[in-house]
Amino acid sequence: MDAQIFGYIGALLVSALAIPQLVKIMRERDAVGVSVPAWIMQALCCLTFLIYGIRLFELPQIMGNVLPVIGALAIVAVALVSRRQMSVGKIVLAVVATVAYIALMFVIPPLAVGYVAVVWAFVARWPQVVDSISSSRRGIATTVSPATWYLMIAAMTSWLIYGVMMMDVPVLATNVIGILASIIILIAEYRNKANRTGELPATTPSSREISAEEPVKTSV
């Protein structure tokens, strides 16, 4: 089977993965537990792979990373707005830094660009891993969308197959790391939900217990 097919499948899935997270943040008007650093690094990872694809003329890489960059940046923007942390200064600084970064990626060799993307992929998801595990341990309800991370796993599985068939080491390494981190995030989020749900009966007193604790009224 042609490796390009898996590349296009991965491109389609990764293009859609930001949508459930965006919808959940906007619907709940909150971004509790959603790691802004993780999505900033996700945007940088996809941007780097986009440049990598342009430098090597790999169409699946190009098509598969345009929308993910936009989606990741949209999540960052919505999360910062919900936390009232957005400012003009931050936007200007981000634009200037991004232009400088893009220029650098077009100067260094294409293979080096691929390995830079691998580094971003390695670090990008761990802030979300840490936040999800921390929220689970503290019993804090989050707005992290499991659907986004299921799509992430599906997309990365397709890209992993693509990387194996194309013998593309950066793509292969990136998606192995991403799949493992995404699984950890899902486990942490589901454990968090299960723990909070399981604690409700134990922490909510029954009507019999309430009546037993009520003081006995005596007539004078």
Protein backbone atom coordinates (compact mmCIF):
# COMPACT_ATOMS: atom_id res chain seq x y z
CA MET A 1 0.00 0.00 0.00
CA ASP A 2 1.21 3.51 -0.80
CA ALA A 3 2.65 5.30 2.24
CA GLN A 4 1.10 8.56 1.02
CA ILE A 5 -2.36 7.20 1.89
CA PHE A 6 -1.43 6.95 5.58
CA GLY A 7 0.08 10.41 5.37
CA TYR A 8 -3.17 11.86 4.04
CA ILE A 9 -5.23 9.96 6.66
CA GLY A 10 -2.95 11.33 9.37
CA ALA A 11 -3.24 14.81 7.86
CA LEU A 12 -7.06 14.61 7.92
CA LEU A 13 -7.20 13.39 11.53
CA VAL A 14 -4.62 15.83 12.90
CA SER A 15 -6.43 18.68 11.16
CA ALA A 16 -9.59 17.88 13.14
CA LEU A 17 -8.13 17.13 16.57
CA ALA A 18 -8.24 20.71 17.90
CA ILE A 19 -11.98 21.06 17.23
CA PRO A 20 -13.32 19.06 20.24
CA GLN A 21 -11.01 20.92 22.62
CA LEU A 22 -12.00 24.31 21.20
CA VAL A 23 -15.70 23.44 21.44
CA LYS A 24 -15.37 22.27 25.05
CA ILE A 25 -13.50 25.40 26.17
CA MET A 26 -15.99 27.73 24.47
CA ARG A 27 -19.01 25.77 25.71
CA GLU A 28 -17.84 25.72 29.34
CA ARG A 29 -16.17 29.17 29.11
CA ASP A 30 -13.21 27.79 31.01
CA ALA A 31 -9.89 26.10 30.30
CA VAL A 32 -9.17 24.41 33.63
CA GLY A 33 -6.50 21.73 33.20
CA VAL A 34 -5.76 22.66 29.57
CA SER A 35 -2.02 23.29 29.34
CA VAL A 36 -1.27 26.46 27.37
CA PRO A 37 2.50 25.67 27.18
CA ALA A 38 1.66 22.25 25.71
CA TRP A 39 -0.45 23.76 22.93
CA ILE A 40 2.13 26.48 22.21
CA MET A 41 4.75 23.76 21.76
CA GLN A 42 2.28 21.70 19.72
CA ALA A 43 1.90 24.69 17.38
CA LEU A 44 5.68 25.01 17.11
CA CYS A 45 6.01 21.27 16.46
CA CYS A 46 3.45 21.37 13.63
CA LEU A 47 4.97 24.56 12.23
CA THR A 48 8.39 22.92 12.19
CA PHE A 49 7.04 19.84 10.44
CA LEU A 50 5.26 22.11 7.95
CA ILE A 51 8.60 23.75 7.10
CA TYR A 52 10.23 20.29 7.03
CA GLY A 53 7.62 19.18 4.48
CA ILE A 54 8.13 22.31 2.39
CA ARG A 55 11.90 21.87 2.41
CA LEU A 56 11.60 18.21 1.30
CA PHE A 57 8.56 18.72 -0.98
CA GLU A 58 6.47 16.17 0.99
CA LEU A 59 2.85 17.05 0.27
CA PRO A 60 1.28 15.04 3.17
CA GLN A 61 3.53 16.84 5.63
CA ILE A 62 2.49 20.21 4.21
CA MET A 63 -1.23 19.46 4.12
CA GLY A 64 -1.14 17.74 7.50
CA ASN A 65 0.35 20.63 9.44
CA VAL A 66 -1.30 23.83 8.16
CA LEU A 67 -4.61 23.42 10.00
CA PRO A 68 -3.04 21.89 13.17
CA VAL A 69 -0.90 25.02 13.58
CA ILE A 70 -4.02 27.19 13.32
CA GLY A 71 -5.98 24.89 15.64
CA ALA A 72 -3.28 24.81 18.32
CA LEU A 73 -2.95 28.60 18.24
CA ALA A 74 -6.73 28.94 18.47
CA ILE A 75 -6.76 26.78 21.62
CA VAL A 76 -3.98 28.94 23.11
CA ALA A 77 -5.91 32.13 22.31
CA VAL A 78 -9.24 30.87 23.67
CA ALA A 79 -7.59 29.51 26.82
CA LEU A 80 -5.77 32.78 27.49
CA VAL A 81 -8.92 34.82 26.88
CA SER A 82 -10.91 32.61 29.26
CA ARG A 83 -8.20 33.19 31.90
CA ARG A 84 -7.99 36.92 31.05
CA GLN A 85 -4.29 36.60 30.28
CA MET A 86 -4.33 37.85 26.67
CA SER A 87 -2.63 41.17 25.90
CA VAL A 88 -1.40 43.13 22.87
CA GLY A 89 2.18 42.90 24.11
CA LYS A 90 2.05 39.11 24.20
CA ILE A 91 0.63 39.00 20.67
CA VAL A 92 3.37 41.28 19.27
CA LEU A 93 6.09 39.30 21.04
CA ALA A 94 4.68 36.02 19.72
CA VAL A 95 4.54 37.32 16.13
CA VAL A 96 8.13 38.63 16.22
CA ALA A 97 9.44 35.38 17.77
CA THR A 98 7.55 33.27 15.21
CA VAL A 99 8.94 35.22 12.23
CA ALA A 100 12.48 34.84 13.58
CA TYR A 101 11.92 31.12 14.18
CA ILE A 102 10.59 30.54 10.64
CA ALA A 103 13.59 32.34 9.17
CA LEU A 104 15.95 30.14 11.18
CA MET A 105 14.18 26.95 10.05
CA PHE A 106 14.71 27.92 6.41
CA VAL A 107 18.42 28.49 6.98
CA ILE A 108 19.43 25.23 8.67
CA PRO A 109 19.55 21.91 6.70
CA PRO A 110 16.20 20.15 6.14
CA LEU A 111 17.18 17.08 8.19
CA ALA A 112 18.08 19.37 11.09
CA VAL A 113 14.59 20.89 10.81
CA GLY A 114 13.15 17.39 11.15
CA TYR A 115 15.12 16.72 14.32
CA VAL A 116 14.10 20.09 15.77
CA ALA A 117 10.49 18.97 15.20
CA VAL A 118 11.28 15.72 17.04
CA VAL A 119 12.55 17.73 20.02
CA TRP A 120 9.36 19.82 20.04
CA ALA A 121 7.26 16.64 19.79
CA PHE A 122 9.13 15.13 22.72
CA VAL A 123 8.52 18.10 25.03
CA ALA A 124 5.18 19.37 23.66
CA ARG A 125 2.82 16.97 25.39
CA TRP A 126 4.54 16.60 28.75
CA PRO A 127 3.16 19.84 30.27
CA GLN A 128 -0.32 18.42 29.58
CA VAL A 129 0.77 15.07 31.04
CA VAL A 130 1.93 16.85 34.21
CA ASP A 131 -1.24 18.97 34.44
CA SER A 132 -3.55 15.99 33.89
CA ILE A 133 -1.77 13.86 36.50
CA SER A 134 -1.73 16.78 38.96
CA SER A 135 -5.46 17.45 38.43
CA SER A 136 -6.20 13.75 38.88
CA ARG A 137 -4.33 13.58 42.18
CA ARG A 138 -6.00 16.74 43.46
CA GLY A 139 -9.46 15.73 42.23
CA ILE A 140 -9.94 18.86 40.12
CA ALA A 141 -12.45 18.68 37.26
CA THR A 142 -10.83 19.73 33.97
CA THR A 143 -12.02 20.87 30.55
CA VAL A 144 -9.54 18.62 28.74
CA SER A 145 -11.32 16.94 25.82
CA PRO A 146 -10.72 13.15 25.61
CA ALA A 147 -11.94 13.25 21.99
CA THR A 148 -8.99 15.47 21.07
CA TRP A 149 -6.52 12.97 22.49
CA TYR A 150 -8.24 9.99 20.85
CA LEU A 151 -7.92 11.82 17.53
CA MET A 152 -4.29 12.57 18.40
CA ILE A 153 -3.57 8.85 18.89
CA ALA A 154 -5.37 7.91 15.66
CA ALA A 155 -3.54 10.60 13.69
CA MET A 156 -0.16 9.67 15.10
CA THR A 157 -0.74 5.99 14.42
CA SER A 158 -1.30 6.84 10.75
CA TRP A 159 1.80 9.05 10.72
CA LEU A 160 3.78 6.31 12.46
CA ILE A 161 2.91 3.87 9.66
CA TYR A 162 3.81 6.57 7.15
CA GLY A 163 7.18 7.09 8.87
CA VAL A 164 7.95 3.37 8.88
CA MET A 165 7.08 2.95 5.20
CA MET A 166 9.01 6.08 4.18
CA MET A 167 11.93 5.27 6.53
CA ASP A 168 11.54 8.81 7.87
CA VAL A 169 13.23 8.72 11.30
CA PRO A 170 12.01 12.15 12.55
CA VAL A 171 8.39 11.31 11.72
CA LEU A 172 8.70 7.83 13.24
CA ALA A 173 10.29 9.01 16.50
CA THR A 174 7.88 11.92 16.88
CA ASN A 175 4.78 9.78 16.71
CA VAL A 176 6.02 7.03 19.02
CA ILE A 177 6.60 9.70 21.69
CA GLY A 178 3.27 11.39 20.95
CA ILE A 179 1.22 8.20 21.18
CA LEU A 180 2.72 7.26 24.56
CA ALA A 181 2.16 10.75 26.00
CA SER A 182 -1.43 10.88 24.69
CA ILE A 183 -2.24 7.53 26.30
CA ILE A 184 -0.88 8.78 29.64
CA ILE A 185 -3.04 11.92 29.37
CA LEU A 186 -6.19 9.88 28.68
CA ILE A 187 -5.49 7.51 31.57
CA ALA A 188 -4.96 10.45 33.94
CA GLU A 189 -8.16 12.20 32.80
CA TYR A 190 -10.29 9.06 33.14
CA ARG A 191 -8.81 8.24 36.54
CA ASN A 192 -9.59 11.79 37.60
CA LYS A 193 -13.21 11.46 36.50
CA ALA A 194 -13.58 8.00 38.07
CA ASN A 195 -12.09 9.13 41.37
CA ARG A 196 -14.33 12.18 41.58
CA THR A 197 -17.42 10.18 40.65
CA GLY A 198 -16.54 7.43 43.12
CA GLU A 199 -16.07 9.85 45.98
CA LEU A 200 -19.51 11.41 45.71
CA PRO A 201 -21.46 8.69 47.59
CA ALA A 202 -18.80 8.55 50.28
CA THR A 203 -18.71 12.30 50.88
CA THR A 204 -22.45 12.95 50.60
CA PRO A 205 -24.27 12.14 53.84
CA SER A 206 -27.43 10.10 53.59
CA SER A 207 -30.77 11.35 54.85
CA ARG A 208 -30.57 8.87 57.73
CA GLU A 209 -27.16 10.24 58.77
CA ILE A 210 -28.45 13.81 58.54
CA SER A 211 -31.46 13.03 60.74
CA ALA A 212 -29.24 11.24 63.26
CA GLU A 213 -26.99 14.29 63.54
CA GLU A 214 -29.86 16.73 64.09
CA PRO A 215 -30.15 17.90 67.72
CA VAL A 216 -33.14 16.63 69.63
CA LYS A 217 -35.58 19.39 70.31
CA THR A 218 -37.12 19.39 73.79
CA SER A 219 -40.09 21.40 74.92
CA VAL A 220 -39.66 23.79 77.81
